[in-house]
Every structure is written in structure tokens, then in C-alpha cells.
Amino acid sequence: MHEAGLATRTDPAALAQVAVRYAIAVTPEMERLIDRADANDPIARQFVPDVRELQQSPQERADPLSEERLSPVPGVVHRYRDRVLLKLTHVCPVYCRFCFRREVVGPGGPQALAGKALEAALGYIAGEPTSGR
């Protein structure tokens, strides 16, 4: 981000700490939409990291939606009786700074769902009754 000229007001060392903790990426298409003259550009705020991301309040949780508790098999979140979320990949072309999955997405995070793990997830989905939950 610093190299692209998007985080010019940020201390490079502090920005590096954000990059160690959370994935950072923005596509060239989104980068072109950022108004570099506007310090509060909404698109920049969505994708350009901020050192304030390193601040953590006591009430913050790594799993704010309790998805781990709702995951009967790896790659599946079953929050609602009649639908599931199948998480095939944890890599995005851009990383939103407000992402509630930001602790588990990006390089170094879980690998794409494949092989036996994908078979188990699809088997769960195929065999899960929708009534009685």
C-alpha cells in the first residue's frame, strides 16, 4: 500500500505491523477508484490499512459471529436451519479492513477446501435434514 502511494500518511513501520497481522490486497481496478486527494475517501477506507487496526478492545472476539461453534465440519457454517455457508477458499482479491473473518483470511490462513475435507463438507450438506433444528 505504501509502495502504491495509498498509505502516504501512515508510518511504514506501523503499517508493516498491520500487514503481519492482517492480509492486505487491493486490485488495480479498485485502486484506480480511490481519490488520493481525499483523506476520507470511502473506497480507500475500505481497503487501505490503518494503524488503528492494531488497537483491540477487551470486548472484541476473534470469532465475532461464533462460526467455529456453528461449524459441524471444516468449511461449513450452519447458522440457519435451511441453509449453510460453504467456505471453499479463504483468499480474496481484496481484503476489506472491516472484514469479520480477517483473522482467518489471506496468506498463511487455512488452505482451500479440497480432497477429503471437501468431501466431508459436501457429505454434510447432502445428508443434513432441514427440519428439527
Protein backbone atom coordinates (compact mmCIF):
# COMPACT_ATOMS: atom_id res chain seq x y z
CA MET A 1 0.00 0.00 0.00
CA HIS A 2 2.85 2.33 0.80
CA GLU A 3 4.55 1.47 -2.49
CA ALA A 4 1.35 2.25 -4.37
CA GLY A 5 1.16 5.66 -2.71
CA LEU A 6 -2.12 4.83 -0.97
CA ALA A 7 -0.90 5.00 2.63
CA THR A 8 1.23 8.12 2.42
CA ARG A 9 0.10 9.47 5.80
CA THR A 10 0.99 6.24 7.60
CA ASP A 11 4.24 5.33 9.35
CA PRO A 12 5.72 2.47 7.26
CA ALA A 13 6.83 0.51 10.35
CA ALA A 14 3.35 0.67 11.89
CA LEU A 15 1.80 -0.30 8.57
CA ALA A 16 4.14 -3.29 8.41
CA GLN A 17 2.73 -4.44 11.77
CA VAL A 18 -0.80 -4.31 10.34
CA ALA A 19 0.39 -6.39 7.37
CA VAL A 20 1.85 -9.00 9.73
CA ARG A 21 -1.49 -9.36 11.50
CA TYR A 22 -4.00 -8.99 8.64
CA ALA A 23 -3.96 -9.63 4.89
CA ILE A 24 -3.68 -6.60 2.62
CA ALA A 25 -4.59 -6.56 -1.07
CA VAL A 26 -6.42 -4.31 -3.48
CA THR A 27 -7.00 -4.86 -7.18
CA PRO A 28 -5.77 -2.32 -9.72
CA GLU A 29 -9.41 -1.63 -10.61
CA MET A 30 -10.26 -0.66 -7.03
CA GLU A 31 -7.02 1.29 -6.67
CA ARG A 32 -7.99 3.46 -9.67
CA LEU A 33 -11.26 4.36 -7.94
CA ILE A 34 -9.51 5.77 -4.86
CA ASP A 35 -9.36 9.55 -4.65
CA ARG A 36 -5.84 10.11 -3.32
CA ALA A 37 -6.62 13.78 -2.63
CA ASP A 38 -9.41 12.86 -0.21
CA ALA A 39 -8.09 11.73 3.18
CA ASN A 40 -11.54 10.25 3.93
CA ASP A 41 -12.17 8.60 0.58
CA PRO A 42 -14.67 5.80 1.30
CA ILE A 43 -13.06 3.34 -1.09
CA ALA A 44 -9.63 3.92 0.44
CA ARG A 45 -11.10 3.47 3.91
CA GLN A 46 -12.47 0.10 2.82
CA PHE A 47 -9.17 -1.28 1.51
CA VAL A 48 -6.18 0.77 2.72
CA PRO A 49 -4.87 -0.45 6.08
CA ASP A 50 -4.84 1.81 9.10
CA VAL A 51 -2.64 1.51 12.19
CA ARG A 52 -5.80 1.71 14.32
CA GLU A 53 -6.46 -1.88 13.27
CA LEU A 54 -3.80 -2.88 15.81
CA GLN A 55 -5.89 -1.50 18.65
CA GLN A 56 -8.07 -4.15 20.23
CA SER A 57 -10.69 -3.55 22.87
CA PRO A 58 -11.42 -6.18 25.55
CA GLN A 59 -14.87 -6.99 24.13
CA GLU A 60 -13.54 -7.84 20.65
CA ARG A 61 -13.52 -11.52 19.72
CA ALA A 62 -11.54 -13.40 17.09
CA ASP A 63 -14.80 -15.17 16.06
CA PRO A 64 -17.42 -12.40 16.33
CA LEU A 65 -20.17 -14.48 14.68
CA SER A 66 -19.40 -17.67 16.63
CA GLU A 67 -18.82 -19.52 13.39
CA GLU A 68 -16.48 -22.04 14.98
CA ARG A 69 -19.30 -23.21 17.25
CA LEU A 70 -21.61 -23.44 14.22
CA SER A 71 -19.15 -25.41 12.08
CA PRO A 72 -20.06 -29.13 12.17
CA VAL A 73 -17.24 -29.94 9.70
CA PRO A 74 -14.37 -27.82 8.40
CA GLY A 75 -15.52 -25.42 5.69
CA VAL A 76 -19.21 -25.41 6.66
CA VAL A 77 -21.05 -22.89 8.82
CA HIS A 78 -24.59 -23.96 9.68
CA ARG A 79 -26.23 -20.97 11.34
CA TYR A 80 -29.73 -21.25 9.88
CA ARG A 81 -31.87 -24.38 9.70
CA ASP A 82 -32.48 -24.19 5.97
CA ARG A 83 -29.07 -23.09 4.65
CA VAL A 84 -25.34 -23.45 5.12
CA LEU A 85 -22.28 -21.45 4.20
CA LEU A 86 -19.64 -23.44 2.31
CA LYS A 87 -16.26 -21.74 2.66
CA LEU A 88 -14.23 -23.11 -0.24
CA THR A 89 -11.40 -20.60 -0.02
CA HIS A 90 -10.02 -18.10 2.45
CA VAL A 91 -8.32 -15.91 -0.12
CA CYS A 92 -9.85 -12.75 -1.58
CA PRO A 93 -8.75 -10.45 -4.41
CA VAL A 94 -9.17 -7.54 -1.97
CA TYR A 95 -9.22 -7.50 1.82
CA CYS A 96 -11.77 -5.20 3.38
CA ARG A 97 -10.46 -3.57 6.53
CA PHE A 98 -13.74 -4.25 8.34
CA CYS A 99 -13.95 -7.95 7.43
CA PHE A 100 -15.23 -10.00 10.35
CA ARG A 101 -13.22 -13.00 9.07
CA ARG A 102 -9.99 -11.03 8.82
CA GLU A 103 -8.19 -13.23 11.38
CA VAL A 104 -8.57 -16.28 9.15
CA VAL A 105 -8.34 -14.98 5.58
CA GLY A 106 -5.33 -14.37 3.44
CA PRO A 107 -1.91 -15.89 3.00
CA GLY A 108 -0.95 -18.11 5.91
CA GLY A 109 -4.59 -18.82 6.76
CA PRO A 110 -6.49 -22.04 6.15
CA GLN A 111 -5.96 -23.66 2.77
CA ALA A 112 -8.68 -24.02 0.15
CA LEU A 113 -11.17 -26.75 0.95
CA ALA A 114 -10.18 -29.80 -1.09
CA GLY A 115 -9.84 -33.56 -1.00
CA LYS A 116 -11.33 -35.36 2.00
CA ALA A 117 -12.25 -32.09 3.74
CA LEU A 118 -14.30 -31.01 0.71
CA GLU A 119 -15.91 -34.46 0.51
CA ALA A 120 -16.84 -34.26 4.21
CA ALA A 121 -18.34 -30.79 3.78
CA LEU A 122 -20.37 -31.84 0.74
CA GLY A 123 -21.45 -35.03 2.52
CA TYR A 124 -22.66 -32.99 5.49
CA ILE A 125 -24.62 -30.70 3.20
CA ALA A 126 -26.15 -33.58 1.24
CA GLY A 127 -27.14 -35.52 4.35
CA GLU A 128 -28.30 -32.78 6.71
CA PRO A 129 -32.06 -32.73 7.29
CA THR A 130 -33.54 -29.23 7.42
CA SER A 131 -36.27 -29.97 9.91
CA GLY A 132 -35.98 -30.22 13.65
CA ARG A 133 -33.14 -27.75 14.14
